[in-house]
Amino acid sequence: MSPAGEIGGMVDFLKFDELETKINGLIEDYVALKKRSLELEGLLQNKTMELEEANKKLGGLKEERDAVRTKVDSLLDLIQEIKAP
């Protein structure tokens, strides 16, 4: 084999090595992004559950407020009846 042929072969192998390095880098990036995506999905799921719990508590507080308001209104009506004779 001539020296020119050997150099051409070395250049080809260097290009393959460079391509392999880039592909490995892309695979590592993909794995890291996939892992981060799963972490973010977990965080989103947790926040969604927290939001649902907060909405349930808010609904309960609104019901309690309405019950208190109704009771206060009925007590005010009783007071007005006492003053009105």
PDB file of N, CA and C in Angstrom:
ATOM      1  N   MET A   1       0.850  -1.169   0.000  1.00  0.00           N
ATOM      2  CA  MET A   1       0.000   0.000   0.000  1.00  0.00           C
ATOM      3  C   MET A   1       0.895   1.231   0.000  1.00  0.00           C
ATOM      4  N   SER A   2       0.482   2.245  -0.710  1.00  0.00           N
ATOM      5  CA  SER A   2       1.292   3.460  -0.807  1.00  0.00           C
ATOM      6  C   SER A   2       1.025   4.355   0.392  1.00  0.00           C
ATOM      7  N   PRO A   3       1.963   5.235   0.698  1.00  0.00           N
ATOM      8  CA  PRO A   3       1.752   6.155   1.827  1.00  0.00           C
ATOM      9  C   PRO A   3       0.511   7.005   1.651  1.00  0.00           C
ATOM     10  N   ALA A   4       0.178   7.378   0.438  1.00  0.00           N
ATOM     11  CA  ALA A   4      -1.019   8.190   0.209  1.00  0.00           C
ATOM     12  C   ALA A   4      -2.254   7.399   0.572  1.00  0.00           C
ATOM     13  N   GLY A   5      -2.267   6.098   0.266  1.00  0.00           N
ATOM     14  CA  GLY A   5      -3.400   5.245   0.609  1.00  0.00           C
ATOM     15  C   GLY A   5      -3.530   5.081   2.107  1.00  0.00           C
ATOM     16  N   GLU A   6      -2.394   4.970   2.789  1.00  0.00           N
ATOM     17  CA  GLU A   6      -2.430   4.840   4.252  1.00  0.00           C
ATOM     18  C   GLU A   6      -2.955   6.119   4.895  1.00  0.00           C
ATOM     19  N   ILE A   7      -2.537   7.248   4.374  1.00  0.00           N
ATOM     20  CA  ILE A   7      -2.995   8.534   4.927  1.00  0.00           C
ATOM     21  C   ILE A   7      -4.494   8.689   4.684  1.00  0.00           C
ATOM     22  N   GLY A   8      -4.954   8.314   3.497  1.00  0.00           N
ATOM     23  CA  GLY A   8      -6.380   8.383   3.205  1.00  0.00           C
ATOM     24  C   GLY A   8      -7.174   7.491   4.140  1.00  0.00           C
ATOM     25  N   GLY A   9      -6.647   6.306   4.437  1.00  0.00           N
ATOM     26  CA  GLY A   9      -7.315   5.396   5.360  1.00  0.00           C
ATOM     27  C   GLY A   9      -7.357   5.952   6.764  1.00  0.00           C
ATOM     28  N   MET A  10      -6.277   6.590   7.186  1.00  0.00           N
ATOM     29  CA  MET A  10      -6.223   7.206   8.524  1.00  0.00           C
ATOM     30  C   MET A  10      -7.235   8.338   8.635  1.00  0.00           C
ATOM     31  N   VAL A  11      -7.345   9.126   7.548  1.00  0.00           N
ATOM     32  CA  VAL A  11      -8.311  10.229   7.563  1.00  0.00           C
ATOM     33  C   VAL A  11      -9.724   9.669   7.681  1.00  0.00           C
ATOM     34  N   ASP A  12     -10.017   8.594   6.964  1.00  0.00           N
ATOM     35  CA  ASP A  12     -11.334   7.980   7.042  1.00  0.00           C
ATOM     36  C   ASP A  12     -11.619   7.493   8.464  1.00  0.00           C
ATOM     37  N   PHE A  13     -10.631   6.844   9.093  1.00  0.00           N
ATOM     38  CA  PHE A  13     -10.825   6.365  10.458  1.00  0.00           C
ATOM     39  C   PHE A  13     -10.998   7.526  11.432  1.00  0.00           C
ATOM     40  N   LEU A  14     -10.273   8.625  11.197  1.00  0.00           N
ATOM     41  CA  LEU A  14     -10.428   9.796  12.063  1.00  0.00           C
ATOM     42  C   LEU A  14     -11.832  10.370  11.930  1.00  0.00           C
ATOM     43  N   LYS A  15     -12.370  10.353  10.718  1.00  0.00           N
ATOM     44  CA  LYS A  15     -13.738  10.848  10.512  1.00  0.00           C
ATOM     45  C   LYS A  15     -14.738   9.934  11.221  1.00  0.00           C
ATOM     46  N   PHE A  16     -14.509   8.615  11.152  1.00  0.00           N
ATOM     47  CA  PHE A  16     -15.388   7.685  11.855  1.00  0.00           C
ATOM     48  C   PHE A  16     -15.289   7.883  13.368  1.00  0.00           C
ATOM     49  N   ASP A  17     -14.068   8.100  13.862  1.00  0.00           N
ATOM     50  CA  ASP A  17     -13.891   8.346  15.301  1.00  0.00           C
ATOM     51  C   ASP A  17     -14.619   9.621  15.717  1.00  0.00           C
ATOM     52  N   GLU A  18     -14.508  10.649  14.881  1.00  0.00           N
ATOM     53  CA  GLU A  18     -15.194  11.911  15.175  1.00  0.00           C
ATOM     54  C   GLU A  18     -16.710  11.710  15.150  1.00  0.00           C
ATOM     55  N   LEU A  19     -17.186  10.976  14.170  1.00  0.00           N
ATOM     56  CA  LEU A  19     -18.621  10.683  14.073  1.00  0.00           C
ATOM     57  C   LEU A  19     -19.087   9.867  15.276  1.00  0.00           C
ATOM     58  N   GLU A  20     -18.294   8.870  15.672  1.00  0.00           N
ATOM     59  CA  GLU A  20     -18.636   8.054  16.827  1.00  0.00           C
ATOM     60  C   GLU A  20     -18.693   8.898  18.096  1.00  0.00           C
ATOM     61  N   THR A  21     -17.734   9.804  18.248  1.00  0.00           N
ATOM     62  CA  THR A  21     -17.712  10.698  19.408  1.00  0.00           C
ATOM     63  C   THR A  21     -18.961  11.569  19.441  1.00  0.00           C
ATOM     64  N   LYS A  22     -19.330  12.108  18.286  1.00  0.00           N
ATOM     65  CA  LYS A  22     -20.531  12.956  18.225  1.00  0.00           C
ATOM     66  C   LYS A  22     -21.796  12.164  18.534  1.00  0.00           C
ATOM     67  N   ILE A  23     -21.880  10.947  17.992  1.00  0.00           N
ATOM     68  CA  ILE A  23     -23.053  10.101  18.252  1.00  0.00           C
ATOM     69  C   ILE A  23     -23.136   9.757  19.732  1.00  0.00           C
ATOM     70  N   ASN A  24     -22.006   9.406  20.327  1.00  0.00           N
ATOM     71  CA  ASN A  24     -21.995   9.102  21.765  1.00  0.00           C
ATOM     72  C   ASN A  24     -22.414  10.316  22.588  1.00  0.00           C
ATOM     73  N   GLY A  25     -21.964  11.502  22.169  1.00  0.00           N
ATOM     74  CA  GLY A  25     -22.377  12.732  22.854  1.00  0.00           C
ATOM     75  C   GLY A  25     -23.876  12.954  22.751  1.00  0.00           C
ATOM     76  N   LEU A  26     -24.425  12.698  21.556  1.00  0.00           N
ATOM     77  CA  LEU A  26     -25.869  12.848  21.365  1.00  0.00           C
ATOM     78  C   LEU A  26     -26.644  11.853  22.216  1.00  0.00           C
ATOM     79  N   ILE A  27     -26.148  10.635  22.313  1.00  0.00           N
ATOM     80  CA  ILE A  27     -26.822   9.616  23.127  1.00  0.00           C
ATOM     81  C   ILE A  27     -26.788  10.030  24.598  1.00  0.00           C
ATOM     82  N   GLU A  28     -25.645  10.524  25.064  1.00  0.00           N
ATOM     83  CA  GLU A  28     -25.543  10.978  26.455  1.00  0.00           C
ATOM     84  C   GLU A  28     -26.494  12.145  26.716  1.00  0.00           C
ATOM     85  N   ASP A  29     -26.561  13.070  25.755  1.00  0.00           N
ATOM     86  CA  ASP A  29     -27.488  14.202  25.899  1.00  0.00           C
ATOM     87  C   ASP A  29     -28.933  13.717  25.944  1.00  0.00           C
ATOM     88  N   TYR A  30     -29.266  12.747  25.085  1.00  0.00           N
ATOM     89  CA  TYR A  30     -30.617  12.206  25.052  1.00  0.00           C
ATOM     90  C   TYR A  30     -30.965  11.563  26.391  1.00  0.00           C
ATOM     91  N   VAL A  31     -30.040  10.771  26.921  1.00  0.00           N
ATOM     92  CA  VAL A  31     -30.288  10.095  28.202  1.00  0.00           C
ATOM     93  C   VAL A  31     -30.495  11.129  29.305  1.00  0.00           C
ATOM     94  N   ALA A  32     -29.648  12.175  29.317  1.00  0.00           N
ATOM     95  CA  ALA A  32     -29.777  13.221  30.339  1.00  0.00           C
ATOM     96  C   ALA A  32     -31.111  13.950  30.201  1.00  0.00           C
ATOM     97  N   LEU A  33     -31.493  14.263  28.969  1.00  0.00           N
ATOM     98  CA  LEU A  33     -32.769  14.956  28.749  1.00  0.00           C
ATOM     99  C   LEU A  33     -33.956  14.082  29.117  1.00  0.00           C
ATOM    100  N   LYS A  34     -33.862  12.794  28.806  1.00  0.00           N
ATOM    101  CA  LYS A  34     -34.938  11.868  29.153  1.00  0.00           C
ATOM    102  C   LYS A  34     -35.089  11.789  30.675  1.00  0.00           C
ATOM    103  N   LYS A  35     -33.963  11.725  31.374  1.00  0.00           N
ATOM    104  CA  LYS A  35     -33.991  11.677  32.838  1.00  0.00           C
ATOM    105  C   LYS A  35     -34.604  12.962  33.397  1.00  0.00           C
ATOM    106  N   ARG A  36     -34.192  14.105  32.858  1.00  0.00           N
ATOM    107  CA  ARG A  36     -34.728  15.387  33.328  1.00  0.00           C
ATOM    108  C   ARG A  36     -36.221  15.483  33.033  1.00  0.00           C
ATOM    109  N   SER A  37     -36.620  14.978  31.867  1.00  0.00           N
ATOM    110  CA  SER A  37     -38.040  14.985  31.512  1.00  0.00           C
ATOM    111  C   SER A  37     -38.860  14.174  32.509  1.00  0.00           C
ATOM    112  N   LEU A  38     -38.342  13.009  32.890  1.00  0.00           N
ATOM    113  CA  LEU A  38     -39.048  12.186  33.874  1.00  0.00           C
ATOM    114  C   LEU A  38     -39.118  12.889  35.225  1.00  0.00           C
ATOM    115  N   GLU A  39     -38.027  13.567  35.611  1.00  0.00           N
ATOM    116  CA  GLU A  39     -38.037  14.317  36.873  1.00  0.00           C
ATOM    117  C   GLU A  39     -39.092  15.412  36.832  1.00  0.00           C
ATOM    118  N   LEU A  40     -39.136  16.135  35.719  1.00  0.00           N
ATOM    119  CA  LEU A  40     -40.104  17.226  35.594  1.00  0.00           C
ATOM    120  C   LEU A  40     -41.535  16.704  35.563  1.00  0.00           C
ATOM    121  N   GLU A  41     -41.749  15.554  34.932  1.00  0.00           N
ATOM    122  CA  GLU A  41     -43.089  14.955  34.932  1.00  0.00           C
ATOM    123  C   GLU A  41     -43.505  14.597  36.354  1.00  0.00           C
ATOM    124  N   GLY A  42     -42.572  14.079  37.136  1.00  0.00           N
ATOM    125  CA  GLY A  42     -42.867  13.757  38.532  1.00  0.00           C
ATOM    126  C   GLY A  42     -43.207  15.002  39.327  1.00  0.00           C
ATOM    127  N   LEU A  43     -42.419  16.070  39.125  1.00  0.00           N
ATOM    128  CA  LEU A  43     -42.697  17.327  39.822  1.00  0.00           C
ATOM    129  C   LEU A  43     -44.057  17.888  39.420  1.00  0.00           C
ATOM    130  N   LEU A  44     -44.359  17.815  38.133  1.00  0.00           N
ATOM    131  CA  LEU A  44     -45.660  18.307  37.659  1.00  0.00           C
ATOM    132  C   LEU A  44     -46.797  17.511  38.274  1.00  0.00           C
ATOM    133  N   GLN A  45     -46.618  16.211  38.356  1.00  0.00           N
ATOM    134  CA  GLN A  45     -47.650  15.359  38.956  1.00  0.00           C
ATOM    135  C   GLN A  45     -47.855  15.727  40.427  1.00  0.00           C
ATOM    136  N   ASN A  46     -46.755  15.957  41.149  1.00  0.00           N
ATOM    137  CA  ASN A  46     -46.857  16.358  42.556  1.00  0.00           C
ATOM    138  C   ASN A  46     -47.573  17.698  42.696  1.00  0.00           C
ATOM    139  N   LYS A  47     -47.214  18.653  41.857  1.00  0.00           N
ATOM    140  CA  LYS A  47     -47.846  19.975  41.924  1.00  0.00           C
ATOM    141  C   LYS A  47     -49.326  19.896  41.564  1.00  0.00           C
ATOM    142  N   THR A  48     -49.660  19.026  40.623  1.00  0.00           N
ATOM    143  CA  THR A  48     -51.059  18.847  40.248  1.00  0.00           C
ATOM    144  C   THR A  48     -51.857  18.292  41.425  1.00  0.00           C
ATOM    145  N   MET A  49     -51.278  17.322  42.128  1.00  0.00           N
ATOM    146  CA  MET A  49     -51.961  16.762  43.301  1.00  0.00           C
ATOM    147  C   MET A  49     -52.080  17.818  44.397  1.00  0.00           C
ATOM    148  N   GLU A  50     -51.037  18.612  44.603  1.00  0.00           N
ATOM    149  CA  GLU A  50     -51.100  19.682  45.608  1.00  0.00           C
ATOM    150  C   GLU A  50     -52.192  20.681  45.250  1.00  0.00           C
ATOM    151  N   LEU A  51     -52.294  21.012  43.968  1.00  0.00           N
ATOM    152  CA  LEU A  51     -53.315  21.959  43.520  1.00  0.00           C
ATOM    153  C   LEU A  51     -54.712  21.395  43.739  1.00  0.00           C
ATOM    154  N   GLU A  52     -54.900  20.118  43.452  1.00  0.00           N
ATOM    155  CA  GLU A  52     -56.201  19.489  43.678  1.00  0.00           C
ATOM    156  C   GLU A  52     -56.565  19.504  45.158  1.00  0.00           C
ATOM    157  N   GLU A  53     -55.575  19.222  46.023  1.00  0.00           N
ATOM    158  CA  GLU A  53     -55.831  19.259  47.466  1.00  0.00           C
ATOM    159  C   GLU A  53     -56.190  20.673  47.913  1.00  0.00           C
ATOM    160  N   ALA A  54     -55.476  21.662  47.397  1.00  0.00           N
ATOM    161  CA  ALA A  54     -55.763  23.049  47.762  1.00  0.00           C
ATOM    162  C   ALA A  54     -57.166  23.446  47.297  1.00  0.00           C
ATOM    163  N   ASN A  55     -57.549  23.006  46.113  1.00  0.00           N
ATOM    164  CA  ASN A  55     -58.893  23.314  45.612  1.00  0.00           C
ATOM    165  C   ASN A  55     -59.968  22.651  46.467  1.00  0.00           C
ATOM    166  N   LYS A  56     -59.703  21.425  46.930  1.00  0.00           N
ATOM    167  CA  LYS A  56     -60.657  20.759  47.814  1.00  0.00           C
ATOM    168  C   LYS A  56     -60.787  21.525  49.130  1.00  0.00           C
ATOM    169  N   LYS A  57     -59.658  21.941  49.693  1.00  0.00           N
ATOM    170  CA  LYS A  57     -59.693  22.712  50.940  1.00  0.00           C
ATOM    171  C   LYS A  57     -60.442  24.018  50.735  1.00  0.00           C
ATOM    172  N   LEU A  58     -60.186  24.662  49.598  1.00  0.00           N
ATOM    173  CA  LEU A  58     -60.859  25.926  49.301  1.00  0.00           C
ATOM    174  C   LEU A  58     -62.364  25.714  49.199  1.00  0.00           C
ATOM    175  N   GLY A  59     -62.759  24.627  48.541  1.00  0.00           N
ATOM    176  CA  GLY A  59     -64.192  24.322  48.445  1.00  0.00           C
ATOM    177  C   GLY A  59     -64.796  24.104  49.818  1.00  0.00           C
ATOM    178  N   GLY A  60     -64.082  23.388  50.699  1.00  0.00           N
ATOM    179  CA  GLY A  60     -64.561  23.161  52.062  1.00  0.00           C
ATOM    180  C   GLY A  60     -64.670  24.456  52.839  1.00  0.00           C
ATOM    181  N   LEU A  61     -63.686  25.336  52.671  1.00  0.00           N
ATOM    182  CA  LEU A  61     -63.719  26.629  53.365  1.00  0.00           C
ATOM    183  C   LEU A  61     -64.869  27.493  52.870  1.00  0.00           C
ATOM    184  N   LYS A  62     -65.152  27.441  51.573  1.00  0.00           N
ATOM    185  CA  LYS A  62     -66.275  28.208  51.031  1.00  0.00           C
ATOM    186  C   LYS A  62     -67.593  27.691  51.598  1.00  0.00           C
ATOM    187  N   GLU A  63     -67.716  26.369  51.689  1.00  0.00           N
ATOM    188  CA  GLU A  63     -68.940  25.796  52.276  1.00  0.00           C
ATOM    189  C   GLU A  63     -69.074  26.217  53.734  1.00  0.00           C
ATOM    190  N   GLU A  64     -67.952  26.173  54.452  1.00  0.00           N
ATOM    191  CA  GLU A  64     -67.980  26.574  55.858  1.00  0.00           C
ATOM    192  C   GLU A  64     -68.349  28.051  55.993  1.00  0.00           C
ATOM    193  N   ARG A  65     -67.780  28.889  55.138  1.00  0.00           N
ATOM    194  CA  ARG A  65     -68.101  30.323  55.154  1.00  0.00           C
ATOM    195  C   ARG A  65     -69.580  30.549  54.894  1.00  0.00           C
ATOM    196  N   ASP A  66     -70.127  29.830  53.910  1.00  0.00           N
ATOM    197  CA  ASP A  66     -71.546  29.982  53.597  1.00  0.00           C
ATOM    198  C   ASP A  66     -72.421  29.534  54.768  1.00  0.00           C
ATOM    199  N   ALA A  67     -71.999  28.453  55.446  1.00  0.00           N
ATOM    200  CA  ALA A  67     -72.762  27.979  56.597  1.00  0.00           C
ATOM    201  C   ALA A  67     -72.716  29.009  57.724  1.00  0.00           C
ATOM    202  N   VAL A  68     -71.545  29.595  57.951  1.00  0.00           N
ATOM    203  CA  VAL A  68     -71.414  30.622  58.999  1.00  0.00           C
ATOM    204  C   VAL A  68     -72.251  31.845  58.635  1.00  0.00           C
ATOM    205  N   ARG A  69     -72.203  32.228  57.360  1.00  0.00           N
ATOM    206  CA  ARG A  69     -72.970  33.391  56.913  1.00  0.00           C
ATOM    207  C   ARG A  69     -74.460  33.149  57.126  1.00  0.00           C
ATOM    208  N   THR A  70     -74.930  31.967  56.794  1.00  0.00           N
ATOM    209  CA  THR A  70     -76.339  31.626  56.985  1.00  0.00           C
ATOM    210  C   THR A  70     -76.706  31.683  58.468  1.00  0.00           C
ATOM    211  N   LYS A  71     -75.842  31.149  59.315  1.00  0.00           N
ATOM    212  CA  LYS A  71     -76.104  31.157  60.763  1.00  0.00           C
ATOM    213  C   LYS A  71     -76.134  32.584  61.302  1.00  0.00           C
ATOM    214  N   VAL A  72     -75.165  33.401  60.856  1.00  0.00           N
ATOM    215  CA  VAL A  72     -75.128  34.799  61.311  1.00  0.00           C
ATOM    216  C   VAL A  72     -76.378  35.532  60.844  1.00  0.00           C
ATOM    217  N   ASP A  73     -76.795  35.314  59.622  1.00  0.00           N
ATOM    218  CA  ASP A  73     -78.011  35.956  59.113  1.00  0.00           C
ATOM    219  C   ASP A  73     -79.231  35.556  59.943  1.00  0.00           C
ATOM    220  N   SER A  74     -79.318  34.282  60.295  1.00  0.00           N
ATOM    221  CA  SER A  74     -80.470  33.848  61.096  1.00  0.00           C
ATOM    222  C   SER A  74     -80.407  34.445  62.502  1.00  0.00           C
ATOM    223  N   LEU A  75     -79.210  34.561  63.060  1.00  0.00           N
ATOM    224  CA  LEU A  75     -79.080  35.184  64.388  1.00  0.00           C
ATOM    225  C   LEU A  75     -79.428  36.666  64.327  1.00  0.00           C
ATOM    226  N   LEU A  76     -79.019  37.340  63.263  1.00  0.00           N
ATOM    227  CA  LEU A  76     -79.369  38.758  63.097  1.00  0.00           C
ATOM    228  C   LEU A  76     -80.881  38.929  62.967  1.00  0.00           C
ATOM    229  N   ASP A  77     -81.519  38.009  62.262  1.00  0.00           N
ATOM    230  CA  ASP A  77     -82.979  38.054  62.150  1.00  0.00           C
ATOM    231  C   ASP A  77     -83.630  37.888  63.527  1.00  0.00           C
ATOM    232  N   LEU A  78     -83.085  36.987  64.354  1.00  0.00           N
ATOM    233  CA  LEU A  78     -83.621  36.796  65.706  1.00  0.00           C
ATOM    234  C   LEU A  78     -83.448  38.064  66.543  1.00  0.00           C
ATOM    235  N   ILE A  79     -82.296  38.706  66.404  1.00  0.00           N
ATOM    236  CA  ILE A  79     -82.045  39.949  67.160  1.00  0.00           C
ATOM    237  C   ILE A  79     -83.025  41.024  66.725  1.00  0.00           C
ATOM    238  N   GLN A  80     -83.276  41.126  65.432  1.00  0.00           N
ATOM    239  CA  GLN A  80     -84.220  42.137  64.949  1.00  0.00           C
ATOM    240  C   GLN A  80     -85.625  41.866  65.460  1.00  0.00           C
ATOM    241  N   GLU A  81     -85.984  40.620  65.592  1.00  0.00           N
ATOM    242  CA  GLU A  81     -87.312  40.281  66.102  1.00  0.00           C
ATOM    243  C   GLU A  81     -87.423  40.667  67.596  1.00  0.00           C
ATOM    244  N   ILE A  82     -86.316  40.548  68.322  1.00  0.00           N
ATOM    245  CA  ILE A  82     -86.328  40.922  69.744  1.00  0.00           C
ATOM    246  C   ILE A  82     -86.506  42.428  69.886  1.00  0.00           C
ATOM    247  N   LYS A  83     -85.878  43.228  69.044  1.00  0.00           N
ATOM    248  CA  LYS A  83     -85.944  44.685  69.128  1.00  0.00           C
ATOM    249  C   LYS A  83     -87.252  45.226  68.605  1.00  0.00           C
ATOM    250  N   ALA A  84     -87.946  44.504  67.804  1.00  0.00           N
ATOM    251  CA  ALA A  84     -89.098  45.033  67.087  1.00  0.00           C
ATOM    252  C   ALA A  84     -90.427  45.044  67.827  1.00  0.00           C
ATOM    253  N   PRO A  85     -90.568  44.700  69.076  1.00  0.00           N
ATOM    254  CA  PRO A  85     -91.922  44.603  69.671  1.00  0.00           C
ATOM    255  C   PRO A  85     -92.720  45.859  69.659  1.00  0.00           C
TER     256      PRO A  85
END
